Amino acid sequence: MKRTLIALAAVLGLAACSGGDNGGGGSVGSNDGPVTAQSLAEKLGCSGFKAEDEPELFAAESASCDRNGTTVYIETFTQDDAQKNWLSAAKQAGGAYVVGDQWIVWTDARPPAEEIQKTLGGHVE
């Protein structure tokens, strides 16, 4: 349901965003080339990895997994604008977002997101 709300918010409320740095310096993928949802899940030590057949709006990949009893959602992007657009729409639905270099990992609460940030880098929004 929440993923549907995010897609709906993106379609209904999103204005064009400008390009630029997403602030993910020093995070996974910043010097390693494109990162995948699977590689992020492995780095987090997630179980039950499930890639979505249809990625979220603006995302290249969408997946979920379980980390210490918390559902973690993973989005990867091929363009900074797509990542910014996705994040702008997603924030309307709530949650806590760890933003890195062309990836976002998110949960429903801030404490697990802060733990994820310690592992992957990026910044929490």
Foldseek 3Di string as FASTA:
>chain_A
DLLVQLLVLLVPPFDFDDADDPQQPPFPCPPPPFDDPVNLCVLLVFPPKDWDPDARFLFPTWIWTDHPNFIKIKTFHDGRRSVVSSVVSSVVSAWKWFDHDRMIMTGRDDVVVVVSCVRGPGDMD
